[in-house]
PDB file of N, CA and C in Angstrom:
ATOM      1  N   UNK A   1     -90.257  76.584 132.170  1.00  0.00           N
ATOM      2  CA  UNK A   1     -90.303  77.308 130.853  1.00  0.00           C
ATOM      3  C   UNK A   1     -90.615  76.292 130.484  1.00  0.00           C
ATOM      4  N   UNK A   2     -91.585  76.313 129.577  1.00  0.00           N
ATOM      5  CA  UNK A   2     -92.179  75.963 128.352  1.00  0.00           C
ATOM      6  C   UNK A   2     -91.469  76.141 126.921  1.00  0.00           C
ATOM      7  N   UNK A   3     -90.960  74.603 126.239  1.00  0.00           N
ATOM      8  CA  UNK A   3     -90.736  74.635 125.553  1.00  0.00           C
ATOM      9  C   UNK A   3     -91.944  74.310 124.073  1.00  0.00           C
ATOM     10  N   UNK A   4     -91.568  75.135 123.373  1.00  0.00           N
ATOM     11  CA  UNK A   4     -92.642  74.819 121.457  1.00  0.00           C
ATOM     12  C   UNK A   4     -91.394  74.465 120.738  1.00  0.00           C
ATOM     13  N   UNK A   5     -92.059  72.837 119.958  1.00  0.00           N
ATOM     14  CA  UNK A   5     -91.644  72.768 119.138  1.00  0.00           C
ATOM     15  C   UNK A   5     -92.052  73.094 117.898  1.00  0.00           C
ATOM     16  N   UNK A   6     -90.873  73.896 116.794  1.00  0.00           N
ATOM     17  CA  UNK A   6     -91.086  74.839 115.842  1.00  0.00           C
ATOM     18  C   UNK A   6     -91.540  73.103 114.335  1.00  0.00           C
ATOM     19  N   UNK A   7     -90.402  72.531 114.861  1.00  0.00           N
ATOM     20  CA  UNK A   7     -90.546  71.355 113.673  1.00  0.00           C
ATOM     21  C   UNK A   7     -89.725  70.208 114.202  1.00  0.00           C
ATOM     22  N   UNK A   8     -89.274  69.441 112.826  1.00  0.00           N
ATOM     23  CA  UNK A   8     -87.984  68.819 113.063  1.00  0.00           C
ATOM     24  C   UNK A   8     -87.320  68.125 111.682  1.00  0.00           C
ATOM     25  N   UNK A   9     -85.953  68.314 111.596  1.00  0.00           N
ATOM     26  CA  UNK A   9     -85.685  67.663 110.273  1.00  0.00           C
ATOM     27  C   UNK A   9     -85.482  66.275 110.369  1.00  0.00           C
ATOM     28  N   UNK A  10     -85.985  65.947 109.042  1.00  0.00           N
ATOM     29  CA  UNK A  10     -85.521  64.823 108.784  1.00  0.00           C
ATOM     30  C   UNK A  10     -84.935  64.375 107.835  1.00  0.00           C
ATOM     31  N   UNK A  11     -84.102  65.282 106.942  1.00  0.00           N
ATOM     32  CA  UNK A  11     -83.438  64.931 105.926  1.00  0.00           C
ATOM     33  C   UNK A  11     -82.647  66.875 106.169  1.00  0.00           C
ATOM     34  N   UNK A  12     -81.006  66.426 105.450  1.00  0.00           N
ATOM     35  CA  UNK A  12     -80.035  67.633 105.720  1.00  0.00           C
ATOM     36  C   UNK A  12     -78.785  67.414 104.397  1.00  0.00           C
ATOM     37  N   UNK A  13     -79.321  68.417 103.651  1.00  0.00           N
ATOM     38  CA  UNK A  13     -78.719  68.599 102.408  1.00  0.00           C
ATOM     39  C   UNK A  13     -77.618  69.728 101.936  1.00  0.00           C
ATOM     40  N   UNK A  14     -77.077  69.274 101.382  1.00  0.00           N
ATOM     41  CA  UNK A  14     -75.476  70.813 101.456  1.00  0.00           C
ATOM     42  C   UNK A  14     -75.628  71.029  99.945  1.00  0.00           C
ATOM     43  N   UNK A  15     -75.803  71.877  99.001  1.00  0.00           N
ATOM     44  CA  UNK A  15     -75.059  72.008  97.786  1.00  0.00           C
ATOM     45  C   UNK A  15     -74.107  72.513  97.734  1.00  0.00           C
ATOM     46  N   UNK A  16     -73.230  72.095  97.119  1.00  0.00           N
ATOM     47  CA  UNK A  16     -71.203  72.686  97.318  1.00  0.00           C
ATOM     48  C   UNK A  16     -71.355  73.621  95.294  1.00  0.00           C
ATOM     49  N   UNK A  17     -72.002  73.429  94.971  1.00  0.00           N
ATOM     50  CA  UNK A  17     -72.237  74.021  93.644  1.00  0.00           C
ATOM     51  C   UNK A  17     -73.789  74.941  93.217  1.00  0.00           C
ATOM     52  N   UNK A  18     -73.526  76.127  93.008  1.00  0.00           N
ATOM     53  CA  UNK A  18     -74.558  76.642  92.688  1.00  0.00           C
ATOM     54  C   UNK A  18     -75.276  75.860  91.714  1.00  0.00           C
ATOM     55  N   UNK A  19     -77.019  75.534  91.635  1.00  0.00           N
ATOM     56  CA  UNK A  19     -77.783  75.185  90.819  1.00  0.00           C
ATOM     57  C   UNK A  19     -77.614  73.772  90.415  1.00  0.00           C
ATOM     58  N   UNK A  20     -76.648  72.887  91.330  1.00  0.00           N
ATOM     59  CA  UNK A  20     -77.088  71.887  90.672  1.00  0.00           C
ATOM     60  C   UNK A  20     -77.121  71.214  92.260  1.00  0.00           C
ATOM     61  N   UNK A  21     -77.500  70.038  91.611  1.00  0.00           N
ATOM     62  CA  UNK A  21     -78.308  68.957  92.971  1.00  0.00           C
ATOM     63  C   UNK A  21     -76.541  68.550  94.190  1.00  0.00           C
ATOM     64  N   UNK A  22     -77.426  68.186  95.385  1.00  0.00           N
ATOM     65  CA  UNK A  22     -76.466  68.034  96.809  1.00  0.00           C
ATOM     66  C   UNK A  22     -75.797  66.671  97.039  1.00  0.00           C
ATOM     67  N   UNK A  23     -75.543  66.613  97.825  1.00  0.00           N
ATOM     68  CA  UNK A  23     -75.457  65.928  98.836  1.00  0.00           C
ATOM     69  C   UNK A  23     -76.066  65.156 100.097  1.00  0.00           C
ATOM     70  N   UNK A  24     -76.046  64.548 101.060  1.00  0.00           N
ATOM     71  CA  UNK A  24     -77.526  64.593 101.726  1.00  0.00           C
ATOM     72  C   UNK A  24     -76.152  63.799 103.174  1.00  0.00           C
ATOM     73  N   UNK A  25     -76.648  64.568 104.108  1.00  0.00           N
ATOM     74  CA  UNK A  25     -75.283  64.922 105.280  1.00  0.00           C
ATOM     75  C   UNK A  25     -76.295  64.334 106.353  1.00  0.00           C
ATOM     76  N   UNK A  26     -74.992  63.536 107.248  1.00  0.00           N
ATOM     77  CA  UNK A  26     -75.623  63.470 108.363  1.00  0.00           C
ATOM     78  C   UNK A  26     -74.863  64.544 109.846  1.00  0.00           C
ATOM     79  N   UNK A  27     -74.412  65.448 109.006  1.00  0.00           N
ATOM     80  CA  UNK A  27     -74.190  66.711 110.136  1.00  0.00           C
ATOM     81  C   UNK A  27     -73.313  67.834 109.446  1.00  0.00           C
ATOM     82  N   UNK A  28     -73.396  68.800 109.721  1.00  0.00           N
ATOM     83  CA  UNK A  28     -72.939  70.018 109.149  1.00  0.00           C
ATOM     84  C   UNK A  28     -72.642  71.042 110.834  1.00  0.00           C
ATOM     85  N   UNK A  29     -71.278  71.971 110.077  1.00  0.00           N
ATOM     86  CA  UNK A  29     -71.584  73.080 111.012  1.00  0.00           C
ATOM     87  C   UNK A  29     -72.166  74.016 110.323  1.00  0.00           C
ATOM     88  N   UNK A  30     -73.026  75.242 111.091  1.00  0.00           N
ATOM     89  CA  UNK A  30     -74.064  76.084 110.859  1.00  0.00           C
ATOM     90  C   UNK A  30     -72.982  77.161 111.053  1.00  0.00           C
ATOM     91  N   UNK A  31     -73.026  78.155 110.320  1.00  0.00           N
ATOM     92  CA  UNK A  31     -72.794  79.560 110.262  1.00  0.00           C
ATOM     93  C   UNK A  31     -73.589  80.347 109.973  1.00  0.00           C
ATOM     94  N   UNK A  32     -73.021  81.936 109.886  1.00  0.00           N
ATOM     95  CA  UNK A  32     -74.394  82.844 109.660  1.00  0.00           C
ATOM     96  C   UNK A  32     -74.919  82.821 108.512  1.00  0.00           C
ATOM     97  N   UNK A  33     -73.850  82.230 106.866  1.00  0.00           N
ATOM     98  CA  UNK A  33     -74.770  82.319 105.905  1.00  0.00           C
ATOM     99  C   UNK A  33     -75.096  80.887 106.054  1.00  0.00           C
ATOM    100  N   UNK A  34     -75.205  79.984 106.534  1.00  0.00           N
ATOM    101  CA  UNK A  34     -75.927  78.835 106.095  1.00  0.00           C
ATOM    102  C   UNK A  34     -74.913  77.101 106.672  1.00  0.00           C
ATOM    103  N   UNK A  35     -74.988  76.532 106.044  1.00  0.00           N
ATOM    104  CA  UNK A  35     -74.180  75.471 105.966  1.00  0.00           C
ATOM    105  C   UNK A  35     -72.524  75.427 105.718  1.00  0.00           C
ATOM    106  N   UNK A  36     -71.431  74.916 105.942  1.00  0.00           N
ATOM    107  CA  UNK A  36     -70.393  75.383 105.460  1.00  0.00           C
ATOM    108  C   UNK A  36     -70.175  74.303 104.663  1.00  0.00           C
ATOM    109  N   UNK A  37     -69.322  74.926 103.555  1.00  0.00           N
ATOM    110  CA  UNK A  37     -69.962  74.211 102.399  1.00  0.00           C
ATOM    111  C   UNK A  37     -70.750  74.130 101.554  1.00  0.00           C
ATOM    112  N   UNK A  38     -71.979  74.872 101.909  1.00  0.00           N
ATOM    113  CA  UNK A  38     -73.475  75.123 100.825  1.00  0.00           C
ATOM    114  C   UNK A  38     -72.615  76.458  99.629  1.00  0.00           C
ATOM    115  N   UNK A  39     -72.553  76.582  98.554  1.00  0.00           N
ATOM    116  CA  UNK A  39     -72.794  76.425  97.143  1.00  0.00           C
ATOM    117  C   UNK A  39     -71.150  77.945  97.536  1.00  0.00           C
ATOM    118  N   UNK A  40     -70.342  76.934  97.792  1.00  0.00           N
ATOM    119  CA  UNK A  40     -68.957  77.298  97.897  1.00  0.00           C
ATOM    120  C   UNK A  40     -68.801  77.280  96.286  1.00  0.00           C
ATOM    121  N   UNK A  41     -68.780  76.800  95.209  1.00  0.00           N
ATOM    122  CA  UNK A  41     -68.449  76.928  94.006  1.00  0.00           C
ATOM    123  C   UNK A  41     -69.716  77.034  92.991  1.00  0.00           C
ATOM    124  N   UNK A  42     -69.630  77.449  91.816  1.00  0.00           N
ATOM    125  CA  UNK A  42     -70.692  77.807  90.849  1.00  0.00           C
ATOM    126  C   UNK A  42     -69.612  77.188  89.436  1.00  0.00           C
ATOM    127  N   UNK A  43     -70.744  77.381  88.473  1.00  0.00           N
ATOM    128  CA  UNK A  43     -70.028  76.805  87.367  1.00  0.00           C
ATOM    129  C   UNK A  43     -69.886  77.844  86.496  1.00  0.00           C
ATOM    130  N   UNK A  44     -69.199  78.810  85.566  1.00  0.00           N
ATOM    131  CA  UNK A  44     -68.742  80.076  84.604  1.00  0.00           C
ATOM    132  C   UNK A  44     -68.653  79.498  83.677  1.00  0.00           C
ATOM    133  N   UNK A  45     -69.788  80.624  82.760  1.00  0.00           N
ATOM    134  CA  UNK A  45     -69.566  79.861  81.190  1.00  0.00           C
ATOM    135  C   UNK A  45     -68.325  80.979  80.705  1.00  0.00           C
ATOM    136  N   UNK A  46     -67.642  79.899  80.250  1.00  0.00           N
ATOM    137  CA  UNK A  46     -66.040  80.681  79.272  1.00  0.00           C
ATOM    138  C   UNK A  46     -66.617  81.489  78.193  1.00  0.00           C
ATOM    139  N   UNK A  47     -68.224  81.286  77.963  1.00  0.00           N
ATOM    140  CA  UNK A  47     -67.890  81.916  76.481  1.00  0.00           C
ATOM    141  C   UNK A  47     -68.699  83.732  76.721  1.00  0.00           C
ATOM    142  N   UNK A  48     -69.419  83.655  77.951  1.00  0.00           N
ATOM    143  CA  UNK A  48     -69.352  85.286  78.578  1.00  0.00           C
ATOM    144  C   UNK A  48     -69.076  85.551  80.491  1.00  0.00           C
ATOM    145  N   UNK A  49     -68.684  84.285  80.510  1.00  0.00           N
ATOM    146  CA  UNK A  49     -67.582  85.242  82.012  1.00  0.00           C
ATOM    147  C   UNK A  49     -69.520  85.100  83.181  1.00  0.00           C
ATOM    148  N   UNK A  50     -70.293  84.411  82.357  1.00  0.00           N
ATOM    149  CA  UNK A  50     -71.405  84.812  83.835  1.00  0.00           C
ATOM    150  C   UNK A  50     -71.274  83.157  84.593  1.00  0.00           C
ATOM    151  N   UNK A  51     -72.527  83.587  85.647  1.00  0.00           N
ATOM    152  CA  UNK A  51     -72.007  82.153  86.310  1.00  0.00           C
ATOM    153  C   UNK A  51     -73.468  81.424  86.069  1.00  0.00           C
ATOM    154  N   UNK A  52     -73.646  80.181  85.883  1.00  0.00           N
ATOM    155  CA  UNK A  52     -73.648  79.122  85.253  1.00  0.00           C
ATOM    156  C   UNK A  52     -75.436  78.883  85.941  1.00  0.00           C
ATOM    157  N   UNK A  53     -77.028  78.863  86.046  1.00  0.00           N
ATOM    158  CA  UNK A  53     -77.761  78.876  86.824  1.00  0.00           C
ATOM    159  C   UNK A  53     -79.106  78.136  86.017  1.00  0.00           C
ATOM    160  N   UNK A  54     -79.708  77.415  87.331  1.00  0.00           N
ATOM    161  CA  UNK A  54     -80.906  76.823  86.609  1.00  0.00           C
ATOM    162  C   UNK A  54     -82.183  77.661  86.287  1.00  0.00           C
ATOM    163  N   UNK A  55     -82.004  79.166  86.472  1.00  0.00           N
ATOM    164  CA  UNK A  55     -82.911  80.081  86.037  1.00  0.00           C
ATOM    165  C   UNK A  55     -82.895  80.430  84.770  1.00  0.00           C
ATOM    166  N   UNK A  56     -82.119  80.195  83.864  1.00  0.00           N
ATOM    167  CA  UNK A  56     -82.058  80.051  82.714  1.00  0.00           C
ATOM    168  C   UNK A  56     -82.041  78.882  81.689  1.00  0.00           C
ATOM    169  N   UNK A  57     -82.765  77.716  82.346  1.00  0.00           N
ATOM    170  CA  UNK A  57     -82.702  76.472  81.514  1.00  0.00           C
ATOM    171  C   UNK A  57     -82.817  76.637  80.219  1.00  0.00           C
ATOM    172  N   UNK A  58     -82.899  77.239  79.417  1.00  0.00           N
ATOM    173  CA  UNK A  58     -82.530  76.948  78.059  1.00  0.00           C
ATOM    174  C   UNK A  58     -81.065  77.431  77.406  1.00  0.00           C
ATOM    175  N   UNK A  59     -80.450  77.731  78.234  1.00  0.00           N
ATOM    176  CA  UNK A  59     -78.873  77.734  78.368  1.00  0.00           C
ATOM    177  C   UNK A  59     -78.557  76.773  78.831  1.00  0.00           C
ATOM    178  N   UNK A  60     -78.476  76.520  80.446  1.00  0.00           N
ATOM    179  CA  UNK A  60     -78.127  75.373  80.772  1.00  0.00           C
ATOM    180  C   UNK A  60     -78.483  74.504  81.451  1.00  0.00           C
ATOM    181  N   UNK A  61     -79.394  73.404  80.840  1.00  0.00           N
ATOM    182  CA  UNK A  61     -80.612  73.055  80.521  1.00  0.00           C
ATOM    183  C   UNK A  61     -80.291  71.482  81.429  1.00  0.00           C
ATOM    184  N   UNK A  62     -79.134  71.565  81.812  1.00  0.00           N
ATOM    185  CA  UNK A  62     -78.572  69.932  82.607  1.00  0.00           C
ATOM    186  C   UNK A  62     -77.976  70.425  83.802  1.00  0.00           C
ATOM    187  N   UNK A  63     -78.075  71.217  84.607  1.00  0.00           N
ATOM    188  CA  UNK A  63     -77.434  71.445  85.625  1.00  0.00           C
ATOM    189  C   UNK A  63     -78.260  70.461  86.830  1.00  0.00           C
ATOM    190  N   UNK A  64     -79.068  70.533  86.617  1.00  0.00           N
ATOM    191  CA  UNK A  64     -80.096  70.061  87.823  1.00  0.00           C
ATOM    192  C   UNK A  64     -79.691  68.110  87.331  1.00  0.00           C
ATOM    193  N   UNK A  65     -79.037  67.772  86.373  1.00  0.00           N
ATOM    194  CA  UNK A  65     -78.956  66.487  86.258  1.00  0.00           C
ATOM    195  C   UNK A  65     -77.504  65.955  87.041  1.00  0.00           C
ATOM    196  N   UNK A  66     -77.146  67.139  87.572  1.00  0.00           N
ATOM    197  CA  UNK A  66     -75.732  66.590  88.199  1.00  0.00           C
ATOM    198  C   UNK A  66     -75.785  66.223  89.420  1.00  0.00           C
ATOM    199  N   UNK A  67     -75.004  65.682  90.263  1.00  0.00           N
ATOM    200  CA  UNK A  67     -75.365  65.563  91.663  1.00  0.00           C
ATOM    201  C   UNK A  67     -73.283  66.271  91.830  1.00  0.00           C
ATOM    202  N   UNK A  68     -73.644  67.222  93.187  1.00  0.00           N
ATOM    203  CA  UNK A  68     -72.000  67.452  93.343  1.00  0.00           C
ATOM    204  C   UNK A  68     -72.170  67.070  94.933  1.00  0.00           C
ATOM    205  N   UNK A  69     -70.833  67.133  95.368  1.00  0.00           N
ATOM    206  CA  UNK A  69     -70.383  66.640  96.626  1.00  0.00           C
ATOM    207  C   UNK A  69     -68.271  67.206  97.112  1.00  0.00           C
ATOM    208  N   UNK A  70     -68.433  66.999  97.888  1.00  0.00           N
ATOM    209  CA  UNK A  70     -67.429  68.085  98.324  1.00  0.00           C
ATOM    210  C   UNK A  70     -66.673  66.329  98.791  1.00  0.00           C
ATOM    211  N   UNK A  71     -65.114  66.125  98.275  1.00  0.00           N
ATOM    212  CA  UNK A  71     -64.530  65.333  98.613  1.00  0.00           C
ATOM    213  C   UNK A  71     -64.299  65.280  99.707  1.00  0.00           C
ATOM    214  N   UNK A  72     -64.172  65.991 101.155  1.00  0.00           N
ATOM    215  CA  UNK A  72     -63.615  66.010 102.175  1.00  0.00           C
ATOM    216  C   UNK A  72     -65.332  67.129 103.285  1.00  0.00           C
ATOM    217  N   UNK A  73     -64.830  67.160 104.327  1.00  0.00           N
ATOM    218  CA  UNK A  73     -65.484  67.880 105.424  1.00  0.00           C
ATOM    219  C   UNK A  73     -64.712  69.725 105.307  1.00  0.00           C
ATOM    220  N   UNK A  74     -65.362  70.349 104.943  1.00  0.00           N
ATOM    221  CA  UNK A  74     -65.264  71.783 104.871  1.00  0.00           C
ATOM    222  C   UNK A  74     -64.929  71.873 106.772  1.00  0.00           C
ATOM    223  N   UNK A  75     -63.777  73.170 106.439  1.00  0.00           N
ATOM    224  CA  UNK A  75     -63.450  73.424 107.409  1.00  0.00           C
ATOM    225  C   UNK A  75     -63.132  75.173 107.769  1.00  0.00           C
ATOM    226  N   UNK A  76     -64.123  75.372 108.907  1.00  0.00           N
ATOM    227  CA  UNK A  76     -64.264  77.644 108.885  1.00  0.00           C
ATOM    228  C   UNK A  76     -62.839  77.655 108.819  1.00  0.00           C
ATOM    229  N   UNK A  77     -62.436  79.196 107.564  1.00  0.00           N
ATOM    230  CA  UNK A  77     -61.479  79.574 107.583  1.00  0.00           C
ATOM    231  C   UNK A  77     -60.260  78.585 106.905  1.00  0.00           C
ATOM    232  N   UNK A  78     -60.582  77.795 105.811  1.00  0.00           N
ATOM    233  CA  UNK A  78     -60.013  77.055 105.065  1.00  0.00           C
ATOM    234  C   UNK A  78     -60.756  77.027 103.442  1.00  0.00           C
ATOM    235  N   UNK A  79     -59.865  76.568 103.205  1.00  0.00           N
ATOM    236  CA  UNK A  79     -60.078  76.489 101.084  1.00  0.00           C
ATOM    237  C   UNK A  79     -61.113  75.402 101.245  1.00  0.00           C
ATOM    238  N   UNK A  80     -62.626  75.514 100.607  1.00  0.00           N
ATOM    239  CA  UNK A  80     -63.210  74.652 100.701  1.00  0.00           C
ATOM    240  C   UNK A  80     -62.441  73.482 100.331  1.00  0.00           C
ATOM    241  N   UNK A  81     -62.929  72.003 100.245  1.00  0.00           N
ATOM    242  CA  UNK A  81     -62.020  70.900  99.600  1.00  0.00           C
ATOM    243  C   UNK A  81     -62.583  70.945  98.303  1.00  0.00           C
ATOM    244  N   UNK A  82     -62.185  69.703  97.398  1.00  0.00           N
ATOM    245  CA  UNK A  82     -62.260  69.899  96.224  1.00  0.00           C
ATOM    246  C   UNK A  82     -63.865  69.124  96.022  1.00  0.00           C
ATOM    247  N   UNK A  83     -64.473  69.277  94.491  1.00  0.00           N
ATOM    248  CA  UNK A  83     -65.383  68.312  94.666  1.00  0.00           C
ATOM    249  C   UNK A  83     -65.436  66.608  93.255  1.00  0.00           C
ATOM    250  N   UNK A  84     -66.543  66.320  93.972  1.00  0.00           N
ATOM    251  CA  UNK A  84     -66.672  65.243  92.886  1.00  0.00           C
ATOM    252  C   UNK A  84     -68.371  65.683  92.305  1.00  0.00           C
ATOM    253  N   UNK A  85     -68.256  65.234  90.888  1.00  0.00           N
ATOM    254  CA  UNK A  85     -69.076  65.887  90.272  1.00  0.00           C
ATOM    255  C   UNK A  85     -70.206  64.404  89.456  1.00  0.00           C
ATOM    256  N   UNK A  86     -71.351  63.730  90.000  1.00  0.00           N
ATOM    257  CA  UNK A  86     -71.681  62.879  89.064  1.00  0.00           C
ATOM    258  C   UNK A  86     -72.837  63.395  87.829  1.00  0.00           C
ATOM    259  N   UNK A  87     -72.424  63.160  86.906  1.00  0.00           N
ATOM    260  CA  UNK A  87     -72.895  63.584  85.734  1.00  0.00           C
ATOM    261  C   UNK A  87     -74.208  62.954  85.223  1.00  0.00           C
ATOM    262  N   UNK A  88     -75.425  63.430  84.284  1.00  0.00           N
ATOM    263  CA  UNK A  88     -76.592  62.369  84.353  1.00  0.00           C
ATOM    264  C   UNK A  88     -75.939  61.072  83.601  1.00  0.00           C
ATOM    265  N   UNK A  89     -74.580  61.053  82.910  1.00  0.00           N
ATOM    266  CA  UNK A  89     -74.767  59.007  82.660  1.00  0.00           C
ATOM    267  C   UNK A  89     -74.157  58.571  83.660  1.00  0.00           C
ATOM    268  N   UNK A  90     -73.515  59.008  85.013  1.00  0.00           N
ATOM    269  CA  UNK A  90     -73.331  57.885  85.745  1.00  0.00           C
ATOM    270  C   UNK A  90     -71.593  58.564  86.165  1.00  0.00           C
ATOM    271  N   UNK A  91     -71.165  58.854  84.807  1.00  0.00           N
ATOM    272  CA  UNK A  91     -69.510  59.488  85.142  1.00  0.00           C
ATOM    273  C   UNK A  91     -69.527  59.880  86.141  1.00  0.00           C
ATOM    274  N   UNK A  92     -68.882  60.273  86.762  1.00  0.00           N
ATOM    275  CA  UNK A  92     -67.992  60.967  87.887  1.00  0.00           C
ATOM    276  C   UNK A  92     -66.647  61.713  87.334  1.00  0.00           C
ATOM    277  N   UNK A  93     -66.555  63.105  87.621  1.00  0.00           N
ATOM    278  CA  UNK A  93     -65.695  64.128  87.306  1.00  0.00           C
ATOM    279  C   UNK A  93     -64.928  64.771  87.992  1.00  0.00           C
ATOM    280  N   UNK A  94     -63.750  64.845  88.703  1.00  0.00           N
ATOM    281  CA  UNK A  94     -63.441  65.729  90.224  1.00  0.00           C
ATOM    282  C   UNK A  94     -62.927  67.009  89.398  1.00  0.00           C
ATOM    283  N   UNK A  95     -62.948  68.203  90.514  1.00  0.00           N
ATOM    284  CA  UNK A  95     -62.716  69.338  89.733  1.00  0.00           C
ATOM    285  C   UNK A  95     -61.140  69.429  89.618  1.00  0.00           C
ATOM    286  N   UNK A  96     -60.449  68.477  90.854  1.00  0.00           N
ATOM    287  CA  UNK A  96     -59.275  68.739  89.937  1.00  0.00           C
ATOM    288  C   UNK A  96     -58.260  67.797  88.455  1.00  0.00           C
ATOM    289  N   UNK A  97     -59.069  67.387  88.064  1.00  0.00           N
ATOM    290  CA  UNK A  97     -58.462  66.940  87.248  1.00  0.00           C
ATOM    291  C   UNK A  97     -58.260  67.776  85.925  1.00  0.00           C
ATOM    292  N   UNK A  98     -57.485  67.404  85.285  1.00  0.00           N
ATOM    293  CA  UNK A  98     -56.964  68.157  83.925  1.00  0.00           C
ATOM    294  C   UNK A  98     -57.909  69.027  82.834  1.00  0.00           C
ATOM    295  N   UNK A  99     -58.900  67.867  82.809  1.00  0.00           N
ATOM    296  CA  UNK A  99     -59.883  68.361  81.676  1.00  0.00           C
ATOM    297  C   UNK A  99     -61.330  68.286  81.915  1.00  0.00           C
ATOM    298  N   UNK A 100     -61.386  68.748  83.371  1.00  0.00           N
ATOM    299  CA  UNK A 100     -62.875  68.898  84.461  1.00  0.00           C
ATOM    300  C   UNK A 100     -63.544  69.796  83.478  1.00  0.00           C
ATOM    301  N   UNK A 101     -62.541  71.168  82.646  1.00  0.00           N
ATOM    302  CA  UNK A 101     -63.683  72.488  82.050  1.00  0.00           C
ATOM    303  C   UNK A 101     -64.218  71.707  80.765  1.00  0.00           C
ATOM    304  N   UNK A 102     -63.269  70.749  80.344  1.00  0.00           N
ATOM    305  CA  UNK A 102     -63.788  70.578  78.840  1.00  0.00           C
ATOM    306  C   UNK A 102     -64.898  69.172  79.089  1.00  0.00           C
ATOM    307  N   UNK A 103     -64.997  68.151  80.217  1.00  0.00           N
ATOM    308  CA  UNK A 103     -65.742  67.979  80.470  1.00  0.00           C
ATOM    309  C   UNK A 103     -67.536  68.372  80.695  1.00  0.00           C
ATOM    310  N   UNK A 104     -67.077  69.089  81.833  1.00  0.00           N
ATOM    311  CA  UNK A 104     -68.043  69.862  82.243  1.00  0.00           C
ATOM    312  C   UNK A 104     -69.250  70.878  80.756  1.00  0.00           C
TER     313      UNK A 104
END
């Protein structure tokens, strides 16, 4: 049987929050929907209830300036782990902090 190499993986990234930069991984479980833990969270604008997206840079110009990472390894069938978000100024906010909404 002849095998054909279609490509190789140079790096693996997961993006836990829609439209934020993510985290580089050494390994990940792959599901039918992609990497486990990828885009499991999104920011919702409290003024209009819409999901924040980088597709609207006028309204949310700094989403791509934030890096999101899961605080633990996700497990299939379980609630997604909490988040650690590094802000553009280097400060870090945890999703479980009581003031996380005000900070973001």
